[in-house]
PDB file of N, CA and C in Angstrom:
ATOM      1  N   MET A   1     108.949  35.147 146.460  1.00  0.00           N
ATOM      2  CA  MET A   1     109.064  35.862 148.030  1.00  0.00           C
ATOM      3  C   MET A   1     108.239  35.074 149.003  1.00  0.00           C
ATOM      4  N   ALA A   2     107.059  34.672 148.762  1.00  0.00           N
ATOM      5  CA  ALA A   2     106.132  34.225 149.488  1.00  0.00           C
ATOM      6  C   ALA A   2     106.274  32.745 149.442  1.00  0.00           C
ATOM      7  N   VAL A   3     106.836  31.998 148.781  1.00  0.00           N
ATOM      8  CA  VAL A   3     106.894  30.944 148.870  1.00  0.00           C
ATOM      9  C   VAL A   3     108.168  30.757 149.619  1.00  0.00           C
ATOM     10  N   LEU A   4     109.398  31.429 149.710  1.00  0.00           N
ATOM     11  CA  LEU A   4     110.310  31.135 150.468  1.00  0.00           C
ATOM     12  C   LEU A   4     110.094  31.572 151.812  1.00  0.00           C
ATOM     13  N   GLU A   5     109.380  32.593 151.979  1.00  0.00           N
ATOM     14  CA  GLU A   5     109.068  33.050 153.275  1.00  0.00           C
ATOM     15  C   GLU A   5     108.125  32.155 154.017  1.00  0.00           C
ATOM     16  N   ARG A   6     107.193  31.166 153.432  1.00  0.00           N
ATOM     17  CA  ARG A   6     106.616  30.157 153.898  1.00  0.00           C
ATOM     18  C   ARG A   6     107.262  28.876 154.251  1.00  0.00           C
ATOM     19  N   LEU A   7     108.227  28.723 153.196  1.00  0.00           N
ATOM     20  CA  LEU A   7     109.382  27.432 153.401  1.00  0.00           C
ATOM     21  C   LEU A   7     110.365  27.631 154.549  1.00  0.00           C
ATOM     22  N   CYS A   8     110.617  28.574 154.955  1.00  0.00           N
ATOM     23  CA  CYS A   8     111.486  28.960 155.821  1.00  0.00           C
ATOM     24  C   CYS A   8     110.714  28.622 157.219  1.00  0.00           C
ATOM     25  N   GLU A   9     109.706  28.827 157.281  1.00  0.00           N
ATOM     26  CA  GLU A   9     108.718  28.583 158.493  1.00  0.00           C
ATOM     27  C   GLU A   9     108.679  27.026 158.810  1.00  0.00           C
ATOM     28  N   GLN A  10     108.490  26.431 157.721  1.00  0.00           N
ATOM     29  CA  GLN A  10     107.993  25.007 158.003  1.00  0.00           C
ATOM     30  C   GLN A  10     107.989  24.187 156.256  1.00  0.00           C
ATOM     31  N   PRO A  11     108.001  22.777 156.442  1.00  0.00           N
ATOM     32  CA  PRO A  11     107.794  22.412 155.195  1.00  0.00           C
ATOM     33  C   PRO A  11     106.249  22.647 154.917  1.00  0.00           C
ATOM     34  N   GLU A  12     105.876  22.469 153.620  1.00  0.00           N
ATOM     35  CA  GLU A  12     104.624  22.472 153.334  1.00  0.00           C
ATOM     36  C   GLU A  12     104.394  21.681 152.133  1.00  0.00           C
ATOM     37  N   ARG A  13     103.267  21.394 151.951  1.00  0.00           N
ATOM     38  CA  ARG A  13     102.645  20.520 150.689  1.00  0.00           C
ATOM     39  C   ARG A  13     102.346  21.748 149.558  1.00  0.00           C
ATOM     40  N   PHE A  14     102.453  21.002 148.351  1.00  0.00           N
ATOM     41  CA  PHE A  14     102.063  21.836 147.272  1.00  0.00           C
ATOM     42  C   PHE A  14     100.819  22.442 147.463  1.00  0.00           C
ATOM     43  N   ASN A  15      99.950  21.468 147.417  1.00  0.00           N
ATOM     44  CA  ASN A  15      98.373  22.323 148.144  1.00  0.00           C
ATOM     45  C   ASN A  15      98.170  23.136 148.951  1.00  0.00           C
ATOM     46  N   GLU A  16      98.882  23.226 149.914  1.00  0.00           N
ATOM     47  CA  GLU A  16      98.730  24.269 151.069  1.00  0.00           C
ATOM     48  C   GLU A  16      99.436  25.143 150.545  1.00  0.00           C
ATOM     49  N   LEU A  17     100.656  25.234 149.889  1.00  0.00           N
ATOM     50  CA  LEU A  17     101.366  26.484 149.580  1.00  0.00           C
ATOM     51  C   LEU A  17     100.343  27.247 148.419  1.00  0.00           C
ATOM     52  N   ARG A  18      99.660  26.443 147.378  1.00  0.00           N
ATOM     53  CA  ARG A  18      98.927  27.152 146.679  1.00  0.00           C
ATOM     54  C   ARG A  18      97.563  27.719 147.021  1.00  0.00           C
ATOM     55  N   ARG A  19      97.069  27.014 148.273  1.00  0.00           N
ATOM     56  CA  ARG A  19      95.743  27.790 149.024  1.00  0.00           C
ATOM     57  C   ARG A  19      96.310  28.782 149.803  1.00  0.00           C
ATOM     58  N   ASP A  20      96.952  28.854 150.325  1.00  0.00           N
ATOM     59  CA  ASP A  20      97.651  29.670 151.101  1.00  0.00           C
ATOM     60  C   ASP A  20      98.710  31.038 150.664  1.00  0.00           C
ATOM     61  N   ILE A  21      98.677  31.023 149.458  1.00  0.00           N
ATOM     62  CA  ILE A  21      99.381  32.157 148.674  1.00  0.00           C
ATOM     63  C   ILE A  21      98.472  32.316 147.674  1.00  0.00           C
ATOM     64  N   PRO A  22      97.366  33.016 147.917  1.00  0.00           N
ATOM     65  CA  PRO A  22      96.021  33.523 147.085  1.00  0.00           C
ATOM     66  C   PRO A  22      96.517  34.029 145.832  1.00  0.00           C
ATOM     67  N   PRO A  23      97.109  34.751 145.498  1.00  0.00           N
ATOM     68  CA  PRO A  23      97.430  35.361 144.120  1.00  0.00           C
ATOM     69  C   PRO A  23      98.082  34.442 143.196  1.00  0.00           C
ATOM     70  N   ILE A  24      98.358  33.334 143.701  1.00  0.00           N
ATOM     71  CA  ILE A  24      99.629  32.231 142.775  1.00  0.00           C
ATOM     72  C   ILE A  24      98.560  31.376 142.633  1.00  0.00           C
ATOM     73  N   THR A  25      98.658  30.818 141.106  1.00  0.00           N
ATOM     74  CA  THR A  25      97.871  29.674 140.408  1.00  0.00           C
ATOM     75  C   THR A  25      98.979  28.370 140.330  1.00  0.00           C
ATOM     76  N   GLN A  26      98.280  27.178 140.030  1.00  0.00           N
ATOM     77  CA  GLN A  26      99.574  26.003 139.948  1.00  0.00           C
ATOM     78  C   GLN A  26     100.573  26.399 139.157  1.00  0.00           C
ATOM     79  N   LYS A  27     100.359  26.531 137.845  1.00  0.00           N
ATOM     80  CA  LYS A  27     101.591  26.712 136.930  1.00  0.00           C
ATOM     81  C   LYS A  27     102.620  27.082 137.326  1.00  0.00           C
ATOM     82  N   PRO A  28     102.229  28.879 137.765  1.00  0.00           N
ATOM     83  CA  PRO A  28     103.496  29.695 138.078  1.00  0.00           C
ATOM     84  C   PRO A  28     103.846  29.137 139.533  1.00  0.00           C
ATOM     85  N   LEU A  29     103.003  28.438 140.536  1.00  0.00           N
ATOM     86  CA  LEU A  29     103.575  27.814 141.804  1.00  0.00           C
ATOM     87  C   LEU A  29     104.914  26.678 141.255  1.00  0.00           C
ATOM     88  N   ALA A  30     104.239  25.971 140.291  1.00  0.00           N
ATOM     89  CA  ALA A  30     105.303  24.689 140.116  1.00  0.00           C
ATOM     90  C   ALA A  30     106.532  24.896 139.449  1.00  0.00           C
ATOM     91  N   ALA A  31     106.240  26.271 138.558  1.00  0.00           N
ATOM     92  CA  ALA A  31     107.775  26.819 137.791  1.00  0.00           C
ATOM     93  C   ALA A  31     108.479  27.276 138.715  1.00  0.00           C
ATOM     94  N   THR A  32     107.786  28.026 140.013  1.00  0.00           N
ATOM     95  CA  THR A  32     108.805  28.261 140.870  1.00  0.00           C
ATOM     96  C   THR A  32     109.273  27.714 141.911  1.00  0.00           C
ATOM     97  N   LEU A  33     109.035  26.638 142.200  1.00  0.00           N
ATOM     98  CA  LEU A  33     109.227  25.513 143.078  1.00  0.00           C
ATOM     99  C   LEU A  33     110.324  24.759 142.382  1.00  0.00           C
ATOM    100  N   ARG A  34     110.206  24.661 140.845  1.00  0.00           N
ATOM    101  CA  ARG A  34     111.372  23.723 140.064  1.00  0.00           C
ATOM    102  C   ARG A  34     112.612  24.598 140.120  1.00  0.00           C
ATOM    103  N   ARG A  35     112.122  25.795 139.878  1.00  0.00           N
ATOM    104  CA  ARG A  35     113.547  26.751 139.936  1.00  0.00           C
ATOM    105  C   ARG A  35     114.268  27.019 141.261  1.00  0.00           C
ATOM    106  N   LEU A  36     113.757  26.736 142.350  1.00  0.00           N
ATOM    107  CA  LEU A  36     113.978  26.626 143.548  1.00  0.00           C
ATOM    108  C   LEU A  36     114.851  25.487 144.053  1.00  0.00           C
ATOM    109  N   GLU A  37     114.311  24.414 143.449  1.00  0.00           N
ATOM    110  CA  GLU A  37     114.667  23.009 143.419  1.00  0.00           C
ATOM    111  C   GLU A  37     116.069  22.946 142.978  1.00  0.00           C
ATOM    112  N   ARG A  38     115.920  23.286 141.596  1.00  0.00           N
ATOM    113  CA  ARG A  38     116.949  23.131 140.503  1.00  0.00           C
ATOM    114  C   ARG A  38     118.052  24.147 141.272  1.00  0.00           C
ATOM    115  N   ASN A  39     118.195  25.284 141.900  1.00  0.00           N
ATOM    116  CA  ASN A  39     118.963  25.828 142.417  1.00  0.00           C
ATOM    117  C   ASN A  39     119.429  25.479 143.777  1.00  0.00           C
ATOM    118  N   GLY A  40     118.882  24.489 144.366  1.00  0.00           N
ATOM    119  CA  GLY A  40     119.431  23.906 145.468  1.00  0.00           C
ATOM    120  C   GLY A  40     118.686  24.435 146.812  1.00  0.00           C
ATOM    121  N   ILE A  41     117.845  25.408 146.619  1.00  0.00           N
ATOM    122  CA  ILE A  41     117.037  26.334 147.559  1.00  0.00           C
ATOM    123  C   ILE A  41     116.172  25.491 148.346  1.00  0.00           C
ATOM    124  N   VAL A  42     115.363  24.556 147.552  1.00  0.00           N
ATOM    125  CA  VAL A  42     114.284  23.749 148.537  1.00  0.00           C
ATOM    126  C   VAL A  42     114.341  22.179 147.491  1.00  0.00           C
ATOM    127  N   GLU A  43     114.075  21.548 148.534  1.00  0.00           N
ATOM    128  CA  GLU A  43     113.963  19.859 148.236  1.00  0.00           C
ATOM    129  C   GLU A  43     112.662  19.407 147.939  1.00  0.00           C
ATOM    130  N   ARG A  44     112.290  18.538 147.232  1.00  0.00           N
ATOM    131  CA  ARG A  44     111.203  17.973 146.753  1.00  0.00           C
ATOM    132  C   ARG A  44     111.138  16.522 147.332  1.00  0.00           C
ATOM    133  N   THR A  45     110.058  16.082 148.300  1.00  0.00           N
ATOM    134  CA  THR A  45     110.065  14.792 148.758  1.00  0.00           C
ATOM    135  C   THR A  45     108.534  14.465 148.354  1.00  0.00           C
ATOM    136  N   VAL A  46     108.472  13.126 147.717  1.00  0.00           N
ATOM    137  CA  VAL A  46     107.144  12.527 147.317  1.00  0.00           C
ATOM    138  C   VAL A  46     106.718  11.602 148.826  1.00  0.00           C
ATOM    139  N   LEU A  47     105.601  12.065 149.266  1.00  0.00           N
ATOM    140  CA  LEU A  47     105.104  11.282 150.534  1.00  0.00           C
ATOM    141  C   LEU A  47     104.421  10.162 150.039  1.00  0.00           C
ATOM    142  N   SER A  48     104.177   8.972 150.424  1.00  0.00           N
ATOM    143  CA  SER A  48     103.693   7.735 150.147  1.00  0.00           C
ATOM    144  C   SER A  48     102.278   7.693 151.200  1.00  0.00           C
ATOM    145  N   THR A  49     101.507   8.504 150.422  1.00  0.00           N
ATOM    146  CA  THR A  49     100.010   8.690 151.295  1.00  0.00           C
ATOM    147  C   THR A  49      99.245   8.586 149.945  1.00  0.00           C
ATOM    148  N   ARG A  50      98.088   8.391 150.340  1.00  0.00           N
ATOM    149  CA  ARG A  50      96.813   8.214 149.401  1.00  0.00           C
ATOM    150  C   ARG A  50      96.000   9.237 149.425  1.00  0.00           C
ATOM    151  N   PRO A  51      95.777  10.142 148.597  1.00  0.00           N
ATOM    152  CA  PRO A  51      96.645  10.111 147.284  1.00  0.00           C
ATOM    153  C   PRO A  51      98.001  10.681 147.901  1.00  0.00           C
ATOM    154  N   VAL A  52      98.861  10.735 146.452  1.00  0.00           N
ATOM    155  CA  VAL A  52     100.594  10.926 146.869  1.00  0.00           C
ATOM    156  C   VAL A  52     100.328  12.241 146.986  1.00  0.00           C
ATOM    157  N   ALA A  53     101.215  12.890 148.055  1.00  0.00           N
ATOM    158  CA  ALA A  53     101.407  13.887 148.127  1.00  0.00           C
ATOM    159  C   ALA A  53     102.905  14.312 148.014  1.00  0.00           C
ATOM    160  N   VAL A  54     103.433  15.567 147.747  1.00  0.00           N
ATOM    161  CA  VAL A  54     104.540  16.374 147.582  1.00  0.00           C
ATOM    162  C   VAL A  54     104.551  17.313 148.595  1.00  0.00           C
ATOM    163  N   GLU A  55     105.668  17.140 149.387  1.00  0.00           N
ATOM    164  CA  GLU A  55     106.369  18.205 150.266  1.00  0.00           C
ATOM    165  C   GLU A  55     107.517  19.428 150.012  1.00  0.00           C
ATOM    166  N   TYR A  56     107.725  20.084 150.139  1.00  0.00           N
ATOM    167  CA  TYR A  56     108.906  20.975 149.918  1.00  0.00           C
ATOM    168  C   TYR A  56     109.279  21.565 150.864  1.00  0.00           C
ATOM    169  N   ARG A  57     110.303  21.385 151.178  1.00  0.00           N
ATOM    170  CA  ARG A  57     111.319  22.373 152.560  1.00  0.00           C
ATOM    171  C   ARG A  57     112.550  22.986 152.030  1.00  0.00           C
ATOM    172  N   ILE A  58     112.780  23.947 152.988  1.00  0.00           N
ATOM    173  CA  ILE A  58     113.966  24.499 152.643  1.00  0.00           C
ATOM    174  C   ILE A  58     114.940  23.700 152.903  1.00  0.00           C
ATOM    175  N   THR A  59     116.378  24.240 152.312  1.00  0.00           N
ATOM    176  CA  THR A  59     117.698  23.061 152.121  1.00  0.00           C
ATOM    177  C   THR A  59     118.530  24.232 153.010  1.00  0.00           C
ATOM    178  N   PRO A  60     119.624  23.685 153.688  1.00  0.00           N
ATOM    179  CA  PRO A  60     120.537  24.349 154.452  1.00  0.00           C
ATOM    180  C   PRO A  60     121.086  25.771 153.284  1.00  0.00           C
ATOM    181  N   LEU A  61     121.185  25.641 151.961  1.00  0.00           N
ATOM    182  CA  LEU A  61     121.394  26.352 151.456  1.00  0.00           C
ATOM    183  C   LEU A  61     120.510  27.497 151.078  1.00  0.00           C
ATOM    184  N   GLY A  62     119.117  26.977 151.116  1.00  0.00           N
ATOM    185  CA  GLY A  62     118.105  27.923 150.970  1.00  0.00           C
ATOM    186  C   GLY A  62     118.052  28.966 152.333  1.00  0.00           C
ATOM    187  N   LYS A  63     118.557  28.577 153.399  1.00  0.00           N
ATOM    188  CA  LYS A  63     118.201  28.603 154.818  1.00  0.00           C
ATOM    189  C   LYS A  63     119.036  30.047 155.013  1.00  0.00           C
ATOM    190  N   THR A  64     119.969  30.278 154.240  1.00  0.00           N
ATOM    191  CA  THR A  64     121.081  31.434 154.216  1.00  0.00           C
ATOM    192  C   THR A  64     120.307  32.204 153.508  1.00  0.00           C
ATOM    193  N   LEU A  65     119.259  32.326 152.942  1.00  0.00           N
ATOM    194  CA  LEU A  65     118.348  33.767 152.249  1.00  0.00           C
ATOM    195  C   LEU A  65     117.759  34.281 153.178  1.00  0.00           C
ATOM    196  N   ARG A  66     117.469  33.581 154.272  1.00  0.00           N
ATOM    197  CA  ARG A  66     116.433  34.093 155.394  1.00  0.00           C
ATOM    198  C   ARG A  66     116.869  35.492 155.885  1.00  0.00           C
ATOM    199  N   THR A  67     118.074  35.968 156.008  1.00  0.00           N
ATOM    200  CA  THR A  67     118.200  37.158 156.456  1.00  0.00           C
ATOM    201  C   THR A  67     118.201  38.420 155.352  1.00  0.00           C
ATOM    202  N   PRO A  68     118.541  38.161 154.173  1.00  0.00           N
ATOM    203  CA  PRO A  68     118.356  39.053 153.056  1.00  0.00           C
ATOM    204  C   PRO A  68     117.232  38.839 152.690  1.00  0.00           C
ATOM    205  N   VAL A  69     116.303  37.913 152.759  1.00  0.00           N
ATOM    206  CA  VAL A  69     114.814  37.878 152.168  1.00  0.00           C
ATOM    207  C   VAL A  69     113.824  38.841 153.404  1.00  0.00           C
ATOM    208  N   ASP A  70     114.363  38.556 154.752  1.00  0.00           N
ATOM    209  CA  ASP A  70     113.861  39.483 155.944  1.00  0.00           C
ATOM    210  C   ASP A  70     113.860  40.752 155.364  1.00  0.00           C
ATOM    211  N   ALA A  71     115.307  40.909 154.946  1.00  0.00           N
ATOM    212  CA  ALA A  71     115.507  42.482 154.991  1.00  0.00           C
ATOM    213  C   ALA A  71     114.773  43.201 154.126  1.00  0.00           C
ATOM    214  N   LEU A  72     114.882  42.356 152.967  1.00  0.00           N
ATOM    215  CA  LEU A  72     114.014  43.056 151.572  1.00  0.00           C
ATOM    216  C   LEU A  72     112.208  43.130 152.148  1.00  0.00           C
ATOM    217  N   LEU A  73     111.849  42.161 152.662  1.00  0.00           N
ATOM    218  CA  LEU A  73     110.627  42.318 153.116  1.00  0.00           C
ATOM    219  C   LEU A  73     110.332  43.369 153.915  1.00  0.00           C
ATOM    220  N   GLY A  74     111.231  43.728 154.729  1.00  0.00           N
ATOM    221  CA  GLY A  74     111.201  44.860 155.719  1.00  0.00           C
ATOM    222  C   GLY A  74     111.445  46.332 154.863  1.00  0.00           C
ATOM    223  N   TRP A  75     112.010  46.001 153.981  1.00  0.00           N
ATOM    224  CA  TRP A  75     112.161  47.319 153.258  1.00  0.00           C
ATOM    225  C   TRP A  75     110.832  47.672 152.123  1.00  0.00           C
ATOM    226  N   ILE A  76     110.343  46.538 151.682  1.00  0.00           N
ATOM    227  CA  ILE A  76     109.048  47.033 151.308  1.00  0.00           C
ATOM    228  C   ILE A  76     107.985  47.222 152.069  1.00  0.00           C
ATOM    229  N   ASP A  77     107.825  46.790 153.330  1.00  0.00           N
ATOM    230  CA  ASP A  77     106.961  47.422 154.342  1.00  0.00           C
ATOM    231  C   ASP A  77     107.233  48.535 154.657  1.00  0.00           C
ATOM    232  N   ASP A  78     108.652  49.248 154.726  1.00  0.00           N
ATOM    233  CA  ASP A  78     108.974  50.648 155.138  1.00  0.00           C
ATOM    234  C   ASP A  78     108.546  51.483 154.239  1.00  0.00           C
ATOM    235  N   HIS A  79     108.664  50.849 152.806  1.00  0.00           N
ATOM    236  CA  HIS A  79     108.331  51.797 151.571  1.00  0.00           C
ATOM    237  C   HIS A  79     106.988  51.569 150.852  1.00  0.00           C
ATOM    238  N   ALA A  80     106.144  50.906 151.472  1.00  0.00           N
ATOM    239  CA  ALA A  80     104.889  50.555 150.704  1.00  0.00           C
ATOM    240  C   ALA A  80     104.114  51.612 150.284  1.00  0.00           C
ATOM    241  N   ALA A  81     104.088  52.837 151.090  1.00  0.00           N
ATOM    242  CA  ALA A  81     103.168  54.146 150.756  1.00  0.00           C
ATOM    243  C   ALA A  81     104.123  54.952 149.842  1.00  0.00           C
ATOM    244  N   ALA A  82     105.452  54.823 149.707  1.00  0.00           N
ATOM    245  CA  ALA A  82     106.325  55.470 148.657  1.00  0.00           C
ATOM    246  C   ALA A  82     105.897  54.835 147.306  1.00  0.00           C
ATOM    247  N   MET A  83     106.083  53.547 147.240  1.00  0.00           N
ATOM    248  CA  MET A  83     105.961  52.903 146.101  1.00  0.00           C
ATOM    249  C   MET A  83     104.482  52.989 145.550  1.00  0.00           C
ATOM    250  N   ALA A  84     103.514  53.233 146.589  1.00  0.00           N
ATOM    251  CA  ALA A  84     101.788  53.169 146.257  1.00  0.00           C
ATOM    252  C   ALA A  84     101.981  54.584 145.435  1.00  0.00           C
ATOM    253  N   HIS A  85     102.688  55.661 145.885  1.00  0.00           N
ATOM    254  CA  HIS A  85     102.274  56.963 145.559  1.00  0.00           C
ATOM    255  C   HIS A  85     103.081  57.081 143.898  1.00  0.00           C
ATOM    256  N   ALA A  86     104.044  56.470 143.759  1.00  0.00           N
ATOM    257  CA  ALA A  86     104.957  56.274 142.458  1.00  0.00           C
ATOM    258  C   ALA A  86     104.115  55.449 141.509  1.00  0.00           C
ATOM    259  N   ARG A  87     103.567  54.616 141.848  1.00  0.00           N
ATOM    260  CA  ARG A  87     102.595  53.875 140.928  1.00  0.00           C
ATOM    261  C   ARG A  87     101.582  54.369 140.556  1.00  0.00           C
ATOM    262  N   ALA A  88     100.982  55.425 141.352  1.00  0.00           N
ATOM    263  CA  ALA A  88      99.731  55.988 141.077  1.00  0.00           C
ATOM    264  C   ALA A  88     100.250  57.303 140.345  1.00  0.00           C
ATOM    265  N   ALA A  89     101.090  57.912 140.440  1.00  0.00           N
ATOM    266  CA  ALA A  89     101.756  58.851 139.734  1.00  0.00           C
ATOM    267  C   ALA A  89     102.082  58.423 138.221  1.00  0.00           C
ATOM    268  N   PHE A  90     102.808  57.272 137.849  1.00  0.00           N
ATOM    269  CA  PHE A  90     102.839  56.431 136.722  1.00  0.00           C
ATOM    270  C   PHE A  90     101.704  56.465 136.174  1.00  0.00           C
ATOM    271  N   ASP A  91     100.777  55.798 136.701  1.00  0.00           N
ATOM    272  CA  ASP A  91      99.562  55.227 135.991  1.00  0.00           C
ATOM    273  C   ASP A  91      98.711  56.598 135.532  1.00  0.00           C
ATOM    274  N   ASP A  92      98.707  57.767 136.037  1.00  0.00           N
ATOM    275  CA  ASP A  92      98.186  58.886 135.955  1.00  0.00           C
ATOM    276  C   ASP A  92      98.894  59.431 134.793  1.00  0.00           C
ATOM    277  N   GLY A  93     100.266  59.283 134.732  1.00  0.00           N
ATOM    278  CA  GLY A  93     100.948  60.101 133.605  1.00  0.00           C
ATOM    279  C   GLY A  93     101.572  61.414 134.463  1.00  0.00           C
ATOM    280  N   SER A  94     101.352  61.605 135.696  1.00  0.00           N
ATOM    281  CA  SER A  94     102.069  62.740 136.204  1.00  0.00           C
ATOM    282  C   SER A  94     103.754  62.411 136.633  1.00  0.00           C
ATOM    283  N   ALA A  95     104.107  61.473 136.653  1.00  0.00           N
ATOM    284  CA  ALA A  95     105.747  60.906 136.844  1.00  0.00           C
ATOM    285  C   ALA A  95     106.321  61.560 135.937  1.00  0.00           C
ATOM    286  N   THR A  96     107.549  62.232 136.327  1.00  0.00           N
ATOM    287  CA  THR A  96     108.741  62.865 135.733  1.00  0.00           C
ATOM    288  C   THR A  96     109.594  61.550 135.156  1.00  0.00           C
ATOM    289  N   ALA A  97     110.058  61.863 133.976  1.00  0.00           N
ATOM    290  CA  ALA A  97     111.147  60.759 133.394  1.00  0.00           C
ATOM    291  C   ALA A  97     112.311  61.206 134.240  1.00  0.00           C
ATOM    292  N   PRO A  98     113.152  59.789 134.312  1.00  0.00           N
ATOM    293  CA  PRO A  98     114.357  60.143 135.412  1.00  0.00           C
ATOM    294  C   PRO A  98     115.659  60.622 134.452  1.00  0.00           C
ATOM    295  N   ASP A  99     116.120  61.219 135.016  1.00  0.00           N
ATOM    296  CA  ASP A  99     117.362  61.684 134.048  1.00  0.00           C
ATOM    297  C   ASP A  99     118.535  60.792 133.510  1.00  0.00           C
ATOM    298  N   ARG A 100     118.866  60.679 132.463  1.00  0.00           N
ATOM    299  CA  ARG A 100     119.629  59.561 132.049  1.00  0.00           C
ATOM    300  C   ARG A 100     120.729  60.337 131.186  1.00  0.00           C
TER     301      ARG A 100
END
């Protein structure tokens, strides 16, 4: 989600993404970007700089994700406290099992 959110704003180089999304390391970021590229959500451009750099940008198809991604991020913001409470209850064993 963080990668899509960043790329919806502007194109970014790989190392900028890695630096600006602290919990992600190089390997999972590269895997995420490859999946997004494979699905036509982002495009990868090799820049002829020294040293060579790679830039990623959102594609027109990827731009169609902006509204649902924003909605999901809004939902997460609205329900963060309830989710934190549920995690705490689960972790301390006081959560009840859902009806099945």
